Amino acid sequence: MSVPGILLHFGRAVIQAHNNAKVRNLMDVPPPETSRNRARRVSPDASEKEPGAIHPGGR
């Protein structure tokens, strides 16, 4: 096999491996939170007087 043929084969293998890695990384990402789940999340420091306060004492 000629040098350009080897480089072409190697280049295709690199591109295919890169695409496979991208797909694996995208499949590992947890699904995005819905707005309903975000509204329920309260930090452990929040007081019971302010049930929706995520950062008590903030502006």
N, C-alpha and C. Protein backbone atom coordinates (compact mmCIF):
# COMPACT_ATOMS: atom_id res chain seq x y z
N MET A 1 0.86 -1.18 0.00
CA MET A 1 0.00 0.00 0.00
C MET A 1 0.90 1.24 0.00
N SER A 2 0.52 2.20 -0.76
CA SER A 2 1.32 3.41 -0.86
C SER A 2 1.15 4.29 0.38
N VAL A 3 2.04 5.24 0.52
CA VAL A 3 1.99 6.14 1.68
C VAL A 3 0.68 6.92 1.71
N PRO A 4 0.23 7.51 0.60
CA PRO A 4 -1.07 8.21 0.66
C PRO A 4 -2.22 7.28 1.02
N GLY A 5 -2.17 6.04 0.58
CA GLY A 5 -3.21 5.08 0.93
C GLY A 5 -3.23 4.78 2.41
N ILE A 6 -2.03 4.63 2.99
CA ILE A 6 -1.92 4.37 4.43
C ILE A 6 -2.46 5.56 5.21
N LEU A 7 -2.08 6.77 4.80
CA LEU A 7 -2.56 7.97 5.49
C LEU A 7 -4.08 8.12 5.38
N LEU A 8 -4.62 7.80 4.23
CA LEU A 8 -6.07 7.88 4.04
C LEU A 8 -6.78 6.88 4.96
N HIS A 9 -6.26 5.67 5.00
CA HIS A 9 -6.85 4.64 5.86
C HIS A 9 -6.77 5.05 7.34
N PHE A 10 -5.61 5.55 7.75
CA PHE A 10 -5.42 5.99 9.13
C PHE A 10 -6.34 7.17 9.46
N GLY A 11 -6.46 8.12 8.53
CA GLY A 11 -7.33 9.28 8.74
C GLY A 11 -8.78 8.88 8.92
N ARG A 12 -9.23 7.92 8.11
CA ARG A 12 -10.61 7.44 8.25
C ARG A 12 -10.82 6.75 9.58
N ALA A 13 -9.83 5.97 10.03
CA ALA A 13 -9.94 5.28 11.32
C ALA A 13 -10.02 6.28 12.47
N VAL A 14 -9.24 7.35 12.39
CA VAL A 14 -9.26 8.37 13.44
C VAL A 14 -10.61 9.07 13.47
N ILE A 15 -11.12 9.42 12.31
CA ILE A 15 -12.43 10.10 12.25
C ILE A 15 -13.53 9.20 12.78
N GLN A 16 -13.50 7.92 12.43
CA GLN A 16 -14.52 7.00 12.92
C GLN A 16 -14.44 6.82 14.43
N ALA A 17 -13.23 6.72 14.98
CA ALA A 17 -13.07 6.59 16.43
C ALA A 17 -13.56 7.84 17.14
N HIS A 18 -13.29 9.01 16.55
CA HIS A 18 -13.74 10.26 17.15
C HIS A 18 -15.27 10.34 17.17
N ASN A 19 -15.90 9.95 16.07
CA ASN A 19 -17.37 9.96 16.01
C ASN A 19 -17.97 8.98 17.00
N ASN A 20 -17.36 7.80 17.15
CA ASN A 20 -17.86 6.83 18.13
C ASN A 20 -17.74 7.37 19.55
N ALA A 21 -16.65 8.07 19.85
CA ALA A 21 -16.48 8.65 21.19
C ALA A 21 -17.52 9.73 21.45
N LYS A 22 -17.83 10.54 20.44
CA LYS A 22 -18.85 11.58 20.61
C LYS A 22 -20.21 10.96 20.92
N VAL A 23 -20.55 9.89 20.22
CA VAL A 23 -21.84 9.24 20.45
C VAL A 23 -21.89 8.65 21.85
N ARG A 24 -20.79 8.02 22.29
CA ARG A 24 -20.76 7.44 23.65
C ARG A 24 -20.92 8.53 24.69
N ASN A 25 -20.26 9.66 24.50
CA ASN A 25 -20.36 10.76 25.47
C ASN A 25 -21.77 11.34 25.49
N LEU A 26 -22.40 11.46 24.34
CA LEU A 26 -23.77 12.00 24.30
C LEU A 26 -24.75 11.05 24.97
N MET A 27 -24.52 9.75 24.86
CA MET A 27 -25.45 8.79 25.45
C MET A 27 -25.27 8.71 26.97
N ASP A 28 -24.10 9.11 27.49
CA ASP A 28 -23.84 9.05 28.92
C ASP A 28 -24.40 10.24 29.69
N VAL A 29 -24.78 11.30 28.99
CA VAL A 29 -25.27 12.52 29.64
C VAL A 29 -26.66 12.26 30.20
N PRO A 30 -26.90 12.62 31.48
CA PRO A 30 -28.25 12.44 32.04
C PRO A 30 -29.24 13.38 31.34
N PRO A 31 -30.50 13.02 31.31
CA PRO A 31 -31.49 13.88 30.64
C PRO A 31 -31.61 15.23 31.35
N PRO A 32 -31.92 16.28 30.60
CA PRO A 32 -32.04 17.60 31.23
C PRO A 32 -33.21 17.64 32.20
N GLU A 33 -33.07 18.47 33.22
CA GLU A 33 -34.13 18.60 34.23
C GLU A 33 -35.32 19.34 33.64
N THR A 34 -36.49 18.95 34.05
CA THR A 34 -37.67 19.69 33.64
C THR A 34 -37.85 20.87 34.58
N SER A 35 -38.60 21.84 34.17
CA SER A 35 -38.78 23.03 35.01
C SER A 35 -39.52 22.66 36.30
N ARG A 36 -40.34 21.63 36.26
CA ARG A 36 -41.06 21.21 37.46
C ARG A 36 -40.08 20.65 38.51
N ASN A 37 -39.09 19.87 38.07
CA ASN A 37 -38.11 19.32 39.01
C ASN A 37 -37.21 20.40 39.56
N ARG A 38 -36.87 21.39 38.74
CA ARG A 38 -36.00 22.47 39.21
C ARG A 38 -36.69 23.30 40.28
N ALA A 39 -38.00 23.50 40.15
CA ALA A 39 -38.74 24.31 41.11
C ALA A 39 -38.82 23.62 42.47
N ARG A 40 -38.79 22.31 42.50
CA ARG A 40 -38.90 21.58 43.76
C ARG A 40 -37.59 21.53 44.52
N ARG A 41 -36.46 21.68 43.83
CA ARG A 41 -35.15 21.54 44.48
C ARG A 41 -34.91 22.71 45.43
N VAL A 42 -34.60 22.39 46.67
CA VAL A 42 -34.32 23.39 47.69
C VAL A 42 -33.02 22.99 48.36
N SER A 43 -32.15 23.95 48.60
CA SER A 43 -30.88 23.63 49.24
C SER A 43 -31.11 23.27 50.70
N PRO A 44 -30.23 22.48 51.32
CA PRO A 44 -30.42 22.10 52.71
C PRO A 44 -30.32 23.28 53.68
N ASP A 45 -29.73 24.42 53.24
CA ASP A 45 -29.59 25.59 54.11
C ASP A 45 -30.83 26.46 54.12
N ALA A 46 -31.77 26.20 53.25
CA ALA A 46 -32.97 27.03 53.17
C ALA A 46 -33.83 26.84 54.42
N SER A 47 -34.37 27.94 54.90
CA SER A 47 -35.20 27.85 56.10
C SER A 47 -36.60 27.36 55.74
N GLU A 48 -37.32 26.89 56.74
CA GLU A 48 -38.68 26.40 56.50
C GLU A 48 -39.64 27.56 56.26
N LYS A 49 -39.27 28.78 56.69
CA LYS A 49 -40.13 29.93 56.48
C LYS A 49 -40.19 30.29 55.01
N GLU A 50 -39.11 30.04 54.29
CA GLU A 50 -39.05 30.36 52.88
C GLU A 50 -38.84 29.07 52.10
N PRO A 51 -39.90 28.33 51.79
CA PRO A 51 -39.74 27.02 51.16
C PRO A 51 -39.14 27.10 49.76
N GLY A 52 -39.28 28.20 49.06
CA GLY A 52 -38.75 28.30 47.71
C GLY A 52 -37.38 28.92 47.64
N ALA A 53 -36.84 29.33 48.79
CA ALA A 53 -35.55 30.02 48.79
C ALA A 53 -34.42 29.03 48.56
N ILE A 54 -33.68 29.30 47.53
CA ILE A 54 -32.52 28.45 47.24
C ILE A 54 -31.29 29.01 47.92
N HIS A 55 -31.15 30.35 47.92
CA HIS A 55 -30.03 31.00 48.58
C HIS A 55 -30.59 32.02 49.58
N PRO A 56 -30.83 31.59 50.80
CA PRO A 56 -31.39 32.54 51.76
C PRO A 56 -30.44 33.70 52.01
N GLY A 57 -31.00 34.88 52.17
CA GLY A 57 -30.19 36.06 52.43
C GLY A 57 -29.72 36.72 51.16
N GLY A 58 -30.07 36.19 50.01
CA GLY A 58 -29.66 36.79 48.74
C GLY A 58 -30.55 37.94 48.36
N ARG A 59 -30.25 38.56 47.25
CA ARG A 59 -31.05 39.70 46.80
C ARG A 59 -32.35 39.28 46.20
